[in-house]
Amino acid sequence: MIKRAIADLPVKERMSLVLRDLEGLTTEEVASIMNTRPATIRVQISSARAKIKRSCDRFLMRRARREEA
């Protein structure tokens, strides 16, 4: 579920999230690699996390409905 949600992210959001949260780089390091400002990376990561949360919420809601039936 999480892997699918990450794979479905736009490329820049996915790269920012993976480099920061999974690879452990600092925001500044990610910004340098992606040739952008740290503020942009923070926005991309925030957006990516929100999209992953929504994706997981939808999955869990569908699953709960199936179990109720």
C-alpha atoms as a PDB file:
ATOM      1  CA  MET A   1       0.000   0.000   0.000  1.00  0.00           C
ATOM      2  CA  ILE A   2       2.724   2.496   0.972  1.00  0.00           C
ATOM      3  CA  LYS A   3       4.976   1.483  -1.926  1.00  0.00           C
ATOM      4  CA  ARG A   4       2.090   1.977  -4.354  1.00  0.00           C
ATOM      5  CA  ALA A   5       1.266   5.392  -2.874  1.00  0.00           C
ATOM      6  CA  ILE A   6       4.907   6.487  -3.207  1.00  0.00           C
ATOM      7  CA  ALA A   7       5.115   5.165  -6.773  1.00  0.00           C
ATOM      8  CA  ASP A   8       2.013   7.170  -7.708  1.00  0.00           C
ATOM      9  CA  LEU A   9       3.526  10.496  -6.575  1.00  0.00           C
ATOM     10  CA  PRO A  10       4.717  13.077  -9.109  1.00  0.00           C
ATOM     11  CA  VAL A  11       8.425  12.580  -9.825  1.00  0.00           C
ATOM     12  CA  LYS A  12       9.758  15.620  -7.942  1.00  0.00           C
ATOM     13  CA  GLU A  13       7.661  14.891  -4.866  1.00  0.00           C
ATOM     14  CA  ARG A  14       8.696  11.237  -4.922  1.00  0.00           C
ATOM     15  CA  MET A  15      12.383  12.106  -5.285  1.00  0.00           C
ATOM     16  CA  SER A  16      12.237  14.673  -2.483  1.00  0.00           C
ATOM     17  CA  LEU A  17      10.450  12.290  -0.143  1.00  0.00           C
ATOM     18  CA  VAL A  18      12.686   9.300  -0.874  1.00  0.00           C
ATOM     19  CA  LEU A  19      15.923  11.246  -0.534  1.00  0.00           C
ATOM     20  CA  ARG A  20      14.823  12.970   2.677  1.00  0.00           C
ATOM     21  CA  ASP A  21      12.773  10.375   4.524  1.00  0.00           C
ATOM     22  CA  LEU A  22      14.109   7.061   3.225  1.00  0.00           C
ATOM     23  CA  GLU A  23      17.729   7.878   2.387  1.00  0.00           C
ATOM     24  CA  GLY A  24      18.147  10.222   5.350  1.00  0.00           C
ATOM     25  CA  LEU A  25      19.577  13.237   3.543  1.00  0.00           C
ATOM     26  CA  THR A  26      19.037  16.709   4.952  1.00  0.00           C
ATOM     27  CA  THR A  27      16.648  19.100   3.280  1.00  0.00           C
ATOM     28  CA  GLU A  28      19.631  21.176   2.174  1.00  0.00           C
ATOM     29  CA  GLU A  29      21.336  18.130   0.623  1.00  0.00           C
ATOM     30  CA  VAL A  30      18.172  17.190  -1.254  1.00  0.00           C
ATOM     31  CA  ALA A  31      17.805  20.774  -2.494  1.00  0.00           C
ATOM     32  CA  SER A  32      21.387  20.732  -3.748  1.00  0.00           C
ATOM     33  CA  ILE A  33      20.897  17.429  -5.575  1.00  0.00           C
ATOM     34  CA  MET A  34      17.646  18.613  -7.137  1.00  0.00           C
ATOM     35  CA  ASN A  35      19.033  22.080  -7.895  1.00  0.00           C
ATOM     36  CA  THR A  36      16.312  23.955  -6.045  1.00  0.00           C
ATOM     37  CA  ARG A  37      15.717  25.803  -2.790  1.00  0.00           C
ATOM     38  CA  PRO A  38      15.228  24.042   0.559  1.00  0.00           C
ATOM     39  CA  ALA A  39      11.814  25.721   0.887  1.00  0.00           C
ATOM     40  CA  THR A  40      10.727  24.035  -2.346  1.00  0.00           C
ATOM     41  CA  ILE A  41      11.841  20.659  -1.011  1.00  0.00           C
ATOM     42  CA  ARG A  42       9.891  21.197   2.217  1.00  0.00           C
ATOM     43  CA  VAL A  43       6.740  21.995   0.204  1.00  0.00           C
ATOM     44  CA  GLN A  44       7.215  18.946  -2.031  1.00  0.00           C
ATOM     45  CA  ILE A  45       7.725  16.648   0.957  1.00  0.00           C
ATOM     46  CA  SER A  46       4.687  18.043   2.749  1.00  0.00           C
ATOM     47  CA  SER A  47       2.570  17.549  -0.360  1.00  0.00           C
ATOM     48  CA  ALA A  48       3.900  14.017  -0.860  1.00  0.00           C
ATOM     49  CA  ARG A  49       3.145  13.047   2.740  1.00  0.00           C
ATOM     50  CA  ALA A  50      -0.399  14.427   2.465  1.00  0.00           C
ATOM     51  CA  LYS A  51      -1.005  12.479  -0.748  1.00  0.00           C
ATOM     52  CA  ILE A  52       0.309   9.268   0.802  1.00  0.00           C
ATOM     53  CA  LYS A  53      -1.939   9.781   3.830  1.00  0.00           C
ATOM     54  CA  ARG A  54      -4.991  10.324   1.601  1.00  0.00           C
ATOM     55  CA  SER A  55      -4.130   7.232  -0.418  1.00  0.00           C
ATOM     56  CA  CYS A  56      -3.796   5.110   2.720  1.00  0.00           C
ATOM     57  CA  ASP A  57      -7.016   6.545   4.172  1.00  0.00           C
ATOM     58  CA  ARG A  58      -8.925   5.640   0.978  1.00  0.00           C
ATOM     59  CA  PHE A  59      -7.476   2.132   1.019  1.00  0.00           C
ATOM     60  CA  LEU A  60      -8.427   1.572   4.651  1.00  0.00           C
ATOM     61  CA  MET A  61     -11.938   2.950   4.125  1.00  0.00           C
ATOM     62  CA  ARG A  62     -12.521   0.600   1.170  1.00  0.00           C
ATOM     63  CA  ARG A  63     -11.209  -2.307   3.215  1.00  0.00           C
ATOM     64  CA  ALA A  64     -13.451  -1.464   6.174  1.00  0.00           C
ATOM     65  CA  ARG A  65     -16.510  -1.294   3.891  1.00  0.00           C
ATOM     66  CA  ARG A  66     -15.735  -4.732   2.466  1.00  0.00           C
ATOM     67  CA  GLU A  67     -15.388  -6.189   5.951  1.00  0.00           C
ATOM     68  CA  GLU A  68     -18.757  -4.723   6.984  1.00  0.00           C
ATOM     69  CA  ALA A  69     -20.531  -6.366   4.053  1.00  0.00           C
END
